[in-house]
PDB file of N, CA and C in Angstrom:
ATOM      1  N   UNK A   1       5.888 -10.449  23.047  1.00  0.00           N
ATOM      2  CA  UNK A   1       5.372  -9.120  22.767  1.00  0.00           C
ATOM      3  C   UNK A   1       5.004  -9.049  21.287  1.00  0.00           C
ATOM      4  N   UNK A   2       3.830  -8.542  21.001  1.00  0.00           N
ATOM      5  CA  UNK A   2       3.464  -8.381  19.593  1.00  0.00           C
ATOM      6  C   UNK A   2       3.636  -6.919  19.183  1.00  0.00           C
ATOM      7  N   UNK A   3       3.477  -6.662  17.896  1.00  0.00           N
ATOM      8  CA  UNK A   3       3.758  -5.317  17.376  1.00  0.00           C
ATOM      9  C   UNK A   3       2.804  -4.254  17.921  1.00  0.00           C
ATOM     10  N   UNK A   4       1.578  -4.616  18.280  1.00  0.00           N
ATOM     11  CA  UNK A   4       0.659  -3.600  18.813  1.00  0.00           C
ATOM     12  C   UNK A   4       1.106  -3.133  20.192  1.00  0.00           C
ATOM     13  N   UNK A   5       1.730  -4.013  20.978  1.00  0.00           N
ATOM     14  CA  UNK A   5       2.276  -3.599  22.270  1.00  0.00           C
ATOM     15  C   UNK A   5       3.383  -2.570  22.056  1.00  0.00           C
ATOM     16  N   UNK A   6       4.221  -2.816  21.085  1.00  0.00           N
ATOM     17  CA  UNK A   6       5.330  -1.919  20.798  1.00  0.00           C
ATOM     18  C   UNK A   6       4.834  -0.558  20.331  1.00  0.00           C
ATOM     19  N   UNK A   7       3.810  -0.541  19.492  1.00  0.00           N
ATOM     20  CA  UNK A   7       3.271   0.729  18.985  1.00  0.00           C
ATOM     21  C   UNK A   7       2.739   1.577  20.121  1.00  0.00           C
ATOM     22  N   UNK A   8       2.057   0.977  21.074  1.00  0.00           N
ATOM     23  CA  UNK A   8       1.526   1.725  22.213  1.00  0.00           C
ATOM     24  C   UNK A   8       2.654   2.267  23.079  1.00  0.00           C
ATOM     25  N   UNK A   9       3.702   1.468  23.271  1.00  0.00           N
ATOM     26  CA  UNK A   9       4.850   1.929  24.047  1.00  0.00           C
ATOM     27  C   UNK A   9       5.521   3.123  23.387  1.00  0.00           C
ATOM     28  N   UNK A  10       5.661   3.094  22.074  1.00  0.00           N
ATOM     29  CA  UNK A  10       6.317   4.190  21.358  1.00  0.00           C
ATOM     30  C   UNK A  10       5.554   5.495  21.520  1.00  0.00           C
ATOM     31  N   UNK A  11       4.227   5.422  21.550  1.00  0.00           N
ATOM     32  CA  UNK A  11       3.446   6.653  21.721  1.00  0.00           C
ATOM     33  C   UNK A  11       3.784   7.329  23.039  1.00  0.00           C
ATOM     34  N   UNK A  12       3.944   6.559  24.090  1.00  0.00           N
ATOM     35  CA  UNK A  12       4.276   7.127  25.390  1.00  0.00           C
ATOM     36  C   UNK A  12       5.693   7.644  25.451  1.00  0.00           C
ATOM     37  N   UNK A  13       6.611   6.922  24.860  1.00  0.00           N
ATOM     38  CA  UNK A  13       8.023   7.298  24.924  1.00  0.00           C
ATOM     39  C   UNK A  13       8.381   8.444  23.996  1.00  0.00           C
ATOM     40  N   UNK A  14       7.688   8.576  22.900  1.00  0.00           N
ATOM     41  CA  UNK A  14       8.027   9.595  21.909  1.00  0.00           C
ATOM     42  C   UNK A  14       7.446  10.974  22.209  1.00  0.00           C
ATOM     43  N   UNK A  15       6.681  11.121  23.274  1.00  0.00           N
ATOM     44  CA  UNK A  15       6.105  12.419  23.598  1.00  0.00           C
ATOM     45  C   UNK A  15       4.866  12.748  22.787  1.00  0.00           C
ATOM     46  N   UNK A  16       4.062  11.744  22.518  1.00  0.00           N
ATOM     47  CA  UNK A  16       2.847  11.964  21.722  1.00  0.00           C
ATOM     48  C   UNK A  16       1.897  12.911  22.442  1.00  0.00           C
ATOM     49  N   UNK A  17       1.180  13.696  21.658  1.00  0.00           N
ATOM     50  CA  UNK A  17       0.230  14.669  22.191  1.00  0.00           C
ATOM     51  C   UNK A  17      -1.141  14.465  21.559  1.00  0.00           C
ATOM     52  N   UNK A  18      -2.162  14.898  22.259  1.00  0.00           N
ATOM     53  CA  UNK A  18      -3.506  14.949  21.692  1.00  0.00           C
ATOM     54  C   UNK A  18      -3.717  16.352  21.142  1.00  0.00           C
ATOM     55  N   UNK A  19      -4.134  16.438  19.889  1.00  0.00           N
ATOM     56  CA  UNK A  19      -4.363  17.733  19.238  1.00  0.00           C
ATOM     57  C   UNK A  19      -5.701  17.702  18.508  1.00  0.00           C
ATOM     58  N   UNK A  20      -6.124  18.863  18.066  1.00  0.00           N
ATOM     59  CA  UNK A  20      -7.294  18.972  17.197  1.00  0.00           C
ATOM     60  C   UNK A  20      -6.816  19.508  15.857  1.00  0.00           C
ATOM     61  N   UNK A  21      -7.264  18.872  14.790  1.00  0.00           N
ATOM     62  CA  UNK A  21      -6.923  19.329  13.445  1.00  0.00           C
ATOM     63  C   UNK A  21      -8.195  19.904  12.832  1.00  0.00           C
ATOM     64  N   UNK A  22      -8.127  21.168  12.442  1.00  0.00           N
ATOM     65  CA  UNK A  22      -9.279  21.819  11.831  1.00  0.00           C
ATOM     66  C   UNK A  22      -9.084  21.786  10.322  1.00  0.00           C
ATOM     67  N   UNK A  23      -9.918  20.968   9.665  1.00  0.00           N
ATOM     68  CA  UNK A  23      -9.878  20.821   8.213  1.00  0.00           C
ATOM     69  C   UNK A  23     -10.845  21.824   7.608  1.00  0.00           C
ATOM     70  N   UNK A  24     -10.364  22.629   6.700  1.00  0.00           N
ATOM     71  CA  UNK A  24     -11.201  23.642   6.067  1.00  0.00           C
ATOM     72  C   UNK A  24     -11.585  23.160   4.677  1.00  0.00           C
ATOM     73  N   UNK A  25     -12.862  23.256   4.382  1.00  0.00           N
ATOM     74  CA  UNK A  25     -13.340  22.824   3.073  1.00  0.00           C
ATOM     75  C   UNK A  25     -14.336  23.805   2.521  1.00  0.00           C
ATOM     76  N   UNK A  26     -14.828  23.554   1.315  1.00  0.00           N
ATOM     77  CA  UNK A  26     -15.776  24.472   0.693  1.00  0.00           C
ATOM     78  C   UNK A  26     -17.104  24.556   1.449  1.00  0.00           C
ATOM     79  N   UNK A  27     -17.429  23.521   2.210  1.00  0.00           N
ATOM     80  CA  UNK A  27     -18.688  23.509   2.962  1.00  0.00           C
ATOM     81  C   UNK A  27     -18.510  23.905   4.425  1.00  0.00           C
ATOM     82  N   UNK A  28     -17.340  24.435   4.793  1.00  0.00           N
ATOM     83  CA  UNK A  28     -17.091  24.831   6.172  1.00  0.00           C
ATOM     84  C   UNK A  28     -15.940  24.045   6.775  1.00  0.00           C
ATOM     85  N   UNK A  29     -15.813  24.141   8.089  1.00  0.00           N
ATOM     86  CA  UNK A  29     -14.710  23.503   8.806  1.00  0.00           C
ATOM     87  C   UNK A  29     -15.185  22.261   9.541  1.00  0.00           C
ATOM     88  N   UNK A  30     -14.257  21.320   9.717  1.00  0.00           N
ATOM     89  CA  UNK A  30     -14.511  20.112  10.483  1.00  0.00           C
ATOM     90  C   UNK A  30     -13.318  19.889  11.401  1.00  0.00           C
ATOM     91  N   UNK A  31     -13.588  19.601  12.674  1.00  0.00           N
ATOM     92  CA  UNK A  31     -12.511  19.365  13.628  1.00  0.00           C
ATOM     93  C   UNK A  31     -12.351  17.867  13.857  1.00  0.00           C
ATOM     94  N   UNK A  32     -11.101  17.400  13.752  1.00  0.00           N
ATOM     95  CA  UNK A  32     -10.769  15.998  13.964  1.00  0.00           C
ATOM     96  C   UNK A  32      -9.867  15.909  15.190  1.00  0.00           C
ATOM     97  N   UNK A  33     -10.282  15.122  16.183  1.00  0.00           N
ATOM     98  CA  UNK A  33      -9.446  14.887  17.367  1.00  0.00           C
ATOM     99  C   UNK A  33      -8.400  13.845  17.005  1.00  0.00           C
ATOM    100  N   UNK A  34      -7.132  14.157  17.275  1.00  0.00           N
ATOM    101  CA  UNK A  34      -6.036  13.268  16.920  1.00  0.00           C
ATOM    102  C   UNK A  34      -5.225  12.959  18.175  1.00  0.00           C
ATOM    103  N   UNK A  35      -5.173  11.693  18.546  1.00  0.00           N
ATOM    104  CA  UNK A  35      -4.298  11.245  19.629  1.00  0.00           C
ATOM    105  C   UNK A  35      -3.009  10.737  18.983  1.00  0.00           C
ATOM    106  N   UNK A  36      -1.901  10.893  19.658  1.00  0.00           N
ATOM    107  CA  UNK A  36      -0.647  10.357  19.140  1.00  0.00           C
ATOM    108  C   UNK A  36       0.069  11.243  18.145  1.00  0.00           C
ATOM    109  N   UNK A  37      -0.194  12.548  18.158  1.00  0.00           N
ATOM    110  CA  UNK A  37       0.530  13.472  17.283  1.00  0.00           C
ATOM    111  C   UNK A  37       1.925  13.712  17.861  1.00  0.00           C
ATOM    112  N   UNK A  38       2.896  13.824  16.977  1.00  0.00           N
ATOM    113  CA  UNK A  38       4.282  14.060  17.409  1.00  0.00           C
ATOM    114  C   UNK A  38       4.766  15.394  16.866  1.00  0.00           C
ATOM    115  N   UNK A  39       5.322  16.201  17.749  1.00  0.00           N
ATOM    116  CA  UNK A  39       5.864  17.518  17.408  1.00  0.00           C
ATOM    117  C   UNK A  39       7.380  17.356  17.288  1.00  0.00           C
ATOM    118  N   UNK A  40       7.941  17.791  16.154  1.00  0.00           N
ATOM    119  CA  UNK A  40       9.377  17.642  15.929  1.00  0.00           C
ATOM    120  C   UNK A  40       9.969  18.911  15.330  1.00  0.00           C
ATOM    121  N   UNK A  41      11.224  19.192  15.660  1.00  0.00           N
ATOM    122  CA  UNK A  41      11.924  20.340  15.073  1.00  0.00           C
ATOM    123  C   UNK A  41      12.239  20.023  13.616  1.00  0.00           C
ATOM    124  N   UNK A  42      12.486  21.050  12.832  1.00  0.00           N
ATOM    125  CA  UNK A  42      12.868  20.862  11.441  1.00  0.00           C
ATOM    126  C   UNK A  42      14.288  20.351  11.347  1.00  0.00           C
ATOM    127  N   UNK A  43      14.506  19.378  10.502  1.00  0.00           N
ATOM    128  CA  UNK A  43      15.863  18.905  10.251  1.00  0.00           C
ATOM    129  C   UNK A  43      16.555  19.905   9.336  1.00  0.00           C
ATOM    130  N   UNK A  44      17.854  19.819   9.259  1.00  0.00           N
ATOM    131  CA  UNK A  44      18.586  20.710   8.342  1.00  0.00           C
ATOM    132  C   UNK A  44      18.127  20.506   6.907  1.00  0.00           C
ATOM    133  N   UNK A  45      17.832  19.264   6.528  1.00  0.00           N
ATOM    134  CA  UNK A  45      17.359  18.964   5.174  1.00  0.00           C
ATOM    135  C   UNK A  45      16.040  19.689   4.909  1.00  0.00           C
ATOM    136  N   UNK A  46      15.132  19.633   5.853  1.00  0.00           N
ATOM    137  CA  UNK A  46      13.834  20.291   5.676  1.00  0.00           C
ATOM    138  C   UNK A  46      14.001  21.800   5.601  1.00  0.00           C
ATOM    139  N   UNK A  47      14.918  22.337   6.391  1.00  0.00           N
ATOM    140  CA  UNK A  47      15.141  23.780   6.381  1.00  0.00           C
ATOM    141  C   UNK A  47      15.661  24.232   5.021  1.00  0.00           C
ATOM    142  N   UNK A  48      16.394  23.370   4.339  1.00  0.00           N
ATOM    143  CA  UNK A  48      17.016  23.753   3.082  1.00  0.00           C
ATOM    144  C   UNK A  48      16.178  23.416   1.853  1.00  0.00           C
ATOM    145  N   UNK A  49      15.323  22.387   1.917  1.00  0.00           N
ATOM    146  CA  UNK A  49      14.727  21.877   0.692  1.00  0.00           C
ATOM    147  C   UNK A  49      13.201  21.841   0.648  1.00  0.00           C
ATOM    148  N   UNK A  50      12.491  22.240   1.670  1.00  0.00           N
ATOM    149  CA  UNK A  50      11.031  22.167   1.608  1.00  0.00           C
ATOM    150  C   UNK A  50      10.421  23.304   0.794  1.00  0.00           C
ATOM    151  N   UNK A  51      11.234  24.248   0.338  1.00  0.00           N
ATOM    152  CA  UNK A  51      10.730  25.305  -0.525  1.00  0.00           C
ATOM    153  C   UNK A  51       9.877  26.342   0.187  1.00  0.00           C
ATOM    154  N   UNK A  52      10.035  26.445   1.504  1.00  0.00           N
ATOM    155  CA  UNK A  52       9.245  27.383   2.289  1.00  0.00           C
ATOM    156  C   UNK A  52      10.192  28.408   2.897  1.00  0.00           C
ATOM    157  N   UNK A  53       9.842  29.678   2.817  1.00  0.00           N
ATOM    158  CA  UNK A  53      10.643  30.706   3.465  1.00  0.00           C
ATOM    159  C   UNK A  53      10.404  30.607   4.963  1.00  0.00           C
ATOM    160  N   UNK A  54      11.461  30.355   5.715  1.00  0.00           N
ATOM    161  CA  UNK A  54      11.333  30.137   7.155  1.00  0.00           C
ATOM    162  C   UNK A  54      11.393  31.444   7.928  1.00  0.00           C
ATOM    163  N   UNK A  55      10.588  31.521   8.982  1.00  0.00           N
ATOM    164  CA  UNK A  55      10.572  32.704   9.838  1.00  0.00           C
ATOM    165  C   UNK A  55      11.082  32.397  11.242  1.00  0.00           C
ATOM    166  N   UNK A  56      11.284  31.126  11.552  1.00  0.00           N
ATOM    167  CA  UNK A  56      11.752  30.740  12.880  1.00  0.00           C
ATOM    168  C   UNK A  56      10.673  30.125  13.746  1.00  0.00           C
ATOM    169  N   UNK A  57       9.431  30.203  13.322  1.00  0.00           N
ATOM    170  CA  UNK A  57       8.320  29.634  14.084  1.00  0.00           C
ATOM    171  C   UNK A  57       7.757  28.380  13.418  1.00  0.00           C
ATOM    172  N   UNK A  58       8.602  27.608  12.741  1.00  0.00           N
ATOM    173  CA  UNK A  58       8.145  26.415  12.051  1.00  0.00           C
ATOM    174  C   UNK A  58       8.582  25.146  12.783  1.00  0.00           C
ATOM    175  N   UNK A  59       7.796  24.120  12.595  1.00  0.00           N
ATOM    176  CA  UNK A  59       8.149  22.778  13.046  1.00  0.00           C
ATOM    177  C   UNK A  59       7.344  21.778  12.249  1.00  0.00           C
ATOM    178  N   UNK A  60       7.591  20.505  12.504  1.00  0.00           N
ATOM    179  CA  UNK A  60       6.877  19.442  11.805  1.00  0.00           C
ATOM    180  C   UNK A  60       5.997  18.701  12.799  1.00  0.00           C
ATOM    181  N   UNK A  61       4.735  18.488  12.423  1.00  0.00           N
ATOM    182  CA  UNK A  61       3.830  17.630  13.174  1.00  0.00           C
ATOM    183  C   UNK A  61       3.666  16.345  12.375  1.00  0.00           C
ATOM    184  N   UNK A  62       3.727  15.211  13.077  1.00  0.00           N
ATOM    185  CA  UNK A  62       3.440  13.910  12.477  1.00  0.00           C
ATOM    186  C   UNK A  62       2.093  13.466  13.040  1.00  0.00           C
ATOM    187  N   UNK A  63       1.143  13.204  12.140  1.00  0.00           N
ATOM    188  CA  UNK A  63      -0.211  12.832  12.538  1.00  0.00           C
ATOM    189  C   UNK A  63      -0.515  11.424  12.039  1.00  0.00           C
ATOM    190  N   UNK A  64      -1.024  10.534  12.905  1.00  0.00           N
ATOM    191  CA  UNK A  64      -1.375   9.186  12.448  1.00  0.00           C
ATOM    192  C   UNK A  64      -2.465   9.247  11.371  1.00  0.00           C
ATOM    193  N   UNK A  65      -2.237   8.565  10.266  1.00  0.00           N
ATOM    194  CA  UNK A  65      -3.210   8.579   9.171  1.00  0.00           C
ATOM    195  C   UNK A  65      -4.541   7.982   9.594  1.00  0.00           C
ATOM    196  N   UNK A  66      -4.520   7.038  10.528  1.00  0.00           N
ATOM    197  CA  UNK A  66      -5.741   6.390  10.982  1.00  0.00           C
ATOM    198  C   UNK A  66      -6.694   7.306  11.728  1.00  0.00           C
ATOM    199  N   UNK A  67      -6.243   8.505  12.076  1.00  0.00           N
ATOM    200  CA  UNK A  67      -7.109   9.454  12.786  1.00  0.00           C
ATOM    201  C   UNK A  67      -8.118  10.108  11.844  1.00  0.00           C
ATOM    202  N   UNK A  68      -7.871  10.003  10.538  1.00  0.00           N
ATOM    203  CA  UNK A  68      -8.716  10.675   9.564  1.00  0.00           C
ATOM    204  C   UNK A  68      -9.614   9.669   8.840  1.00  0.00           C
ATOM    205  N   UNK A  69     -10.837  10.068   8.588  1.00  0.00           N
ATOM    206  CA  UNK A  69     -11.782   9.224   7.854  1.00  0.00           C
ATOM    207  C   UNK A  69     -11.398   9.212   6.376  1.00  0.00           C
ATOM    208  N   UNK A  70     -11.966   8.283   5.648  1.00  0.00           N
ATOM    209  CA  UNK A  70     -11.727   8.213   4.206  1.00  0.00           C
ATOM    210  C   UNK A  70     -12.081   9.558   3.571  1.00  0.00           C
ATOM    211  N   UNK A  71     -11.205  10.035   2.722  1.00  0.00           N
ATOM    212  CA  UNK A  71     -11.438  11.313   2.051  1.00  0.00           C
ATOM    213  C   UNK A  71     -10.967  12.529   2.832  1.00  0.00           C
ATOM    214  N   UNK A  72     -10.563  12.333   4.087  1.00  0.00           N
ATOM    215  CA  UNK A  72     -10.045  13.443   4.888  1.00  0.00           C
ATOM    216  C   UNK A  72      -8.518  13.420   4.860  1.00  0.00           C
ATOM    217  N   UNK A  73      -7.929  14.592   4.821  1.00  0.00           N
ATOM    218  CA  UNK A  73      -6.478  14.700   4.925  1.00  0.00           C
ATOM    219  C   UNK A  73      -6.113  16.132   5.274  1.00  0.00           C
ATOM    220  N   UNK A  74      -5.027  16.311   6.019  1.00  0.00           N
ATOM    221  CA  UNK A  74      -4.571  17.677   6.312  1.00  0.00           C
ATOM    222  C   UNK A  74      -3.998  18.308   5.051  1.00  0.00           C
ATOM    223  N   UNK A  75      -4.293  19.595   4.866  1.00  0.00           N
ATOM    224  CA  UNK A  75      -3.836  20.328   3.681  1.00  0.00           C
ATOM    225  C   UNK A  75      -3.345  21.715   4.096  1.00  0.00           C
ATOM    226  N   UNK A  76      -2.546  22.348   3.248  1.00  0.00           N
ATOM    227  CA  UNK A  76      -2.129  23.718   3.553  1.00  0.00           C
ATOM    228  C   UNK A  76      -3.351  24.600   3.814  1.00  0.00           C
ATOM    229  N   UNK A  77      -3.245  25.410   4.875  1.00  0.00           N
ATOM    230  CA  UNK A  77      -4.345  26.278   5.289  1.00  0.00           C
ATOM    231  C   UNK A  77      -5.147  25.707   6.444  1.00  0.00           C
ATOM    232  N   UNK A  78      -5.093  24.371   6.633  1.00  0.00           N
ATOM    233  CA  UNK A  78      -5.728  23.768   7.804  1.00  0.00           C
ATOM    234  C   UNK A  78      -4.891  24.111   9.030  1.00  0.00           C
ATOM    235  N   UNK A  79      -5.421  23.872  10.215  1.00  0.00           N
ATOM    236  CA  UNK A  79      -4.677  24.186  11.431  1.00  0.00           C
ATOM    237  C   UNK A  79      -4.614  22.995  12.372  1.00  0.00           C
ATOM    238  N   UNK A  80      -3.572  22.995  13.187  1.00  0.00           N
ATOM    239  CA  UNK A  80      -3.400  22.023  14.267  1.00  0.00           C
ATOM    240  C   UNK A  80      -3.424  22.826  15.554  1.00  0.00           C
ATOM    241  N   UNK A  81      -4.305  22.439  16.481  1.00  0.00           N
ATOM    242  CA  UNK A  81      -4.471  23.188  17.722  1.00  0.00           C
ATOM    243  C   UNK A  81      -4.106  22.322  18.920  1.00  0.00           C
ATOM    244  N   UNK A  82      -3.255  22.885  19.788  1.00  0.00           N
ATOM    245  CA  UNK A  82      -2.930  22.256  21.064  1.00  0.00           C
ATOM    246  C   UNK A  82      -3.695  23.021  22.132  1.00  0.00           C
ATOM    247  N   UNK A  83      -3.385  22.758  23.393  1.00  0.00           N
ATOM    248  CA  UNK A  83      -4.082  23.474  24.462  1.00  0.00           C
ATOM    249  C   UNK A  83      -3.812  24.970  24.432  1.00  0.00           C
ATOM    250  N   UNK A  84      -2.598  25.364  23.990  1.00  0.00           N
ATOM    251  CA  UNK A  84      -2.261  26.787  24.059  1.00  0.00           C
ATOM    252  C   UNK A  84      -1.644  27.368  22.782  1.00  0.00           C
ATOM    253  N   UNK A  85      -1.635  26.600  21.694  1.00  0.00           N
ATOM    254  CA  UNK A  85      -1.038  27.095  20.456  1.00  0.00           C
ATOM    255  C   UNK A  85      -1.874  26.662  19.251  1.00  0.00           C
ATOM    256  N   UNK A  86      -1.746  27.456  18.189  1.00  0.00           N
ATOM    257  CA  UNK A  86      -2.368  27.106  16.926  1.00  0.00           C
ATOM    258  C   UNK A  86      -1.275  27.138  15.859  1.00  0.00           C
ATOM    259  N   UNK A  87      -1.221  26.081  15.052  1.00  0.00           N
ATOM    260  CA  UNK A  87      -0.222  25.944  14.001  1.00  0.00           C
ATOM    261  C   UNK A  87      -0.916  25.868  12.652  1.00  0.00           C
ATOM    262  N   UNK A  88      -0.493  26.676  11.691  1.00  0.00           N
ATOM    263  CA  UNK A  88      -1.023  26.624  10.324  1.00  0.00           C
ATOM    264  C   UNK A  88      -0.200  25.633   9.515  1.00  0.00           C
ATOM    265  N   UNK A  89      -0.877  24.755   8.798  1.00  0.00           N
ATOM    266  CA  UNK A  89      -0.182  23.793   7.948  1.00  0.00           C
ATOM    267  C   UNK A  89       0.244  24.507   6.666  1.00  0.00           C
ATOM    268  N   UNK A  90       1.539  24.439   6.392  1.00  0.00           N
ATOM    269  CA  UNK A  90       2.123  25.065   5.209  1.00  0.00           C
ATOM    270  C   UNK A  90       2.272  24.034   4.087  1.00  0.00           C
ATOM    271  N   UNK A  91       2.630  22.798   4.454  1.00  0.00           N
ATOM    272  CA  UNK A  91       2.788  21.709   3.487  1.00  0.00           C
ATOM    273  C   UNK A  91       2.480  20.404   4.208  1.00  0.00           C
ATOM    274  N   UNK A  92       1.910  19.443   3.483  1.00  0.00           N
ATOM    275  CA  UNK A  92       1.587  18.138   4.077  1.00  0.00           C
ATOM    276  C   UNK A  92       1.908  17.041   3.077  1.00  0.00           C
ATOM    277  N   UNK A  93       2.452  15.932   3.600  1.00  0.00           N
ATOM    278  CA  UNK A  93       2.737  14.786   2.740  1.00  0.00           C
ATOM    279  C   UNK A  93       2.419  13.499   3.493  1.00  0.00           C
ATOM    280  N   UNK A  94       1.953  12.508   2.749  1.00  0.00           N
ATOM    281  CA  UNK A  94       1.612  11.192   3.294  1.00  0.00           C
ATOM    282  C   UNK A  94       2.889  10.376   3.283  1.00  0.00           C
ATOM    283  N   UNK A  95       3.326   9.881   4.451  1.00  0.00           N
ATOM    284  CA  UNK A  95       4.624   9.216   4.529  1.00  0.00           C
ATOM    285  C   UNK A  95       4.565   7.921   5.324  1.00  0.00           C
ATOM    286  N   UNK A  96       5.736   7.279   5.419  1.00  0.00           N
ATOM    287  CA  UNK A  96       5.925   6.034   6.168  1.00  0.00           C
ATOM    288  C   UNK A  96       4.883   4.992   5.772  1.00  0.00           C
ATOM    289  N   UNK A  97       4.899   4.638   4.497  1.00  0.00           N
ATOM    290  CA  UNK A  97       3.990   3.626   3.951  1.00  0.00           C
ATOM    291  C   UNK A  97       2.530   3.971   4.195  1.00  0.00           C
ATOM    292  N   UNK A  98       2.219   5.257   4.188  1.00  0.00           N
ATOM    293  CA  UNK A  98       0.841   5.702   4.347  1.00  0.00           C
ATOM    294  C   UNK A  98       0.313   5.672   5.768  1.00  0.00           C
ATOM    295  N   UNK A  99       1.201   5.531   6.760  1.00  0.00           N
ATOM    296  CA  UNK A  99       0.732   5.439   8.150  1.00  0.00           C
ATOM    297  C   UNK A  99       0.660   6.777   8.859  1.00  0.00           C
ATOM    298  N   UNK A 100       1.254   7.818   8.270  1.00  0.00           N
ATOM    299  CA  UNK A 100       1.224   9.118   8.938  1.00  0.00           C
ATOM    300  C   UNK A 100       1.268  10.243   7.921  1.00  0.00           C
ATOM    301  N   UNK A 101       0.828  11.401   8.400  1.00  0.00           N
ATOM    302  CA  UNK A 101       0.939  12.640   7.640  1.00  0.00           C
ATOM    303  C   UNK A 101       2.063  13.451   8.255  1.00  0.00           C
ATOM    304  N   UNK A 102       2.951  13.956   7.437  1.00  0.00           N
ATOM    305  CA  UNK A 102       4.014  14.867   7.887  1.00  0.00           C
ATOM    306  C   UNK A 102       3.574  16.263   7.476  1.00  0.00           C
ATOM    307  N   UNK A 103       3.373  17.120   8.463  1.00  0.00           N
ATOM    308  CA  UNK A 103       2.860  18.471   8.210  1.00  0.00           C
ATOM    309  C   UNK A 103       3.886  19.508   8.647  1.00  0.00           C
ATOM    310  N   UNK A 104       4.390  20.260   7.694  1.00  0.00           N
ATOM    311  CA  UNK A 104       5.257  21.401   7.994  1.00  0.00           C
ATOM    312  C   UNK A 104       4.326  22.531   8.410  1.00  0.00           C
ATOM    313  N   UNK A 105       4.556  23.065   9.611  1.00  0.00           N
ATOM    314  CA  UNK A 105       3.629  24.054  10.172  1.00  0.00           C
ATOM    315  C   UNK A 105       4.345  25.299  10.661  1.00  0.00           C
ATOM    316  N   UNK A 106       3.577  26.381  10.709  1.00  0.00           N
ATOM    317  CA  UNK A 106       4.062  27.664  11.238  1.00  0.00           C
ATOM    318  C   UNK A 106       3.125  28.095  12.362  1.00  0.00           C
ATOM    319  N   UNK A 107       3.717  28.480  13.491  1.00  0.00           N
ATOM    320  CA  UNK A 107       2.914  28.937  14.631  1.00  0.00           C
ATOM    321  C   UNK A 107       2.197  30.232  14.275  1.00  0.00           C
ATOM    322  N   UNK A 108       0.919  30.283  14.634  1.00  0.00           N
ATOM    323  CA  UNK A 108       0.135  31.503  14.416  1.00  0.00           C
ATOM    324  C   UNK A 108       0.302  32.406  15.621  1.00  0.00           C
ATOM    325  N   UNK A 109       0.394  33.713  15.359  1.00  0.00           N
ATOM    326  CA  UNK A 109       0.548  34.668  16.470  1.00  0.00           C
ATOM    327  C   UNK A 109      -0.711  34.731  17.334  1.00  0.00           C
TER     328      UNK A 109
END
């Protein structure tokens, strides 16, 4: 088994989802289709130290960095859309050796 086989298996086992990320820029919005997004609850560390006032509708989305073209990245104010929910990105950081974006998000009403 090589590492690419393992990566594909992890996507299925980890509950990966297909989402749309709407990037907002000075010239308008651009939608990026992202396969393999992971939705995760906030850890106690994140609840205490991310510097965001929590309302109870927050979670973390992990987005594969390879889904974005050069020069594209999720930023606060952008949104992540699932089939039935929209999440506003509050904070984003490039993590895991640059392989993913960790986005702290708040559900939009």
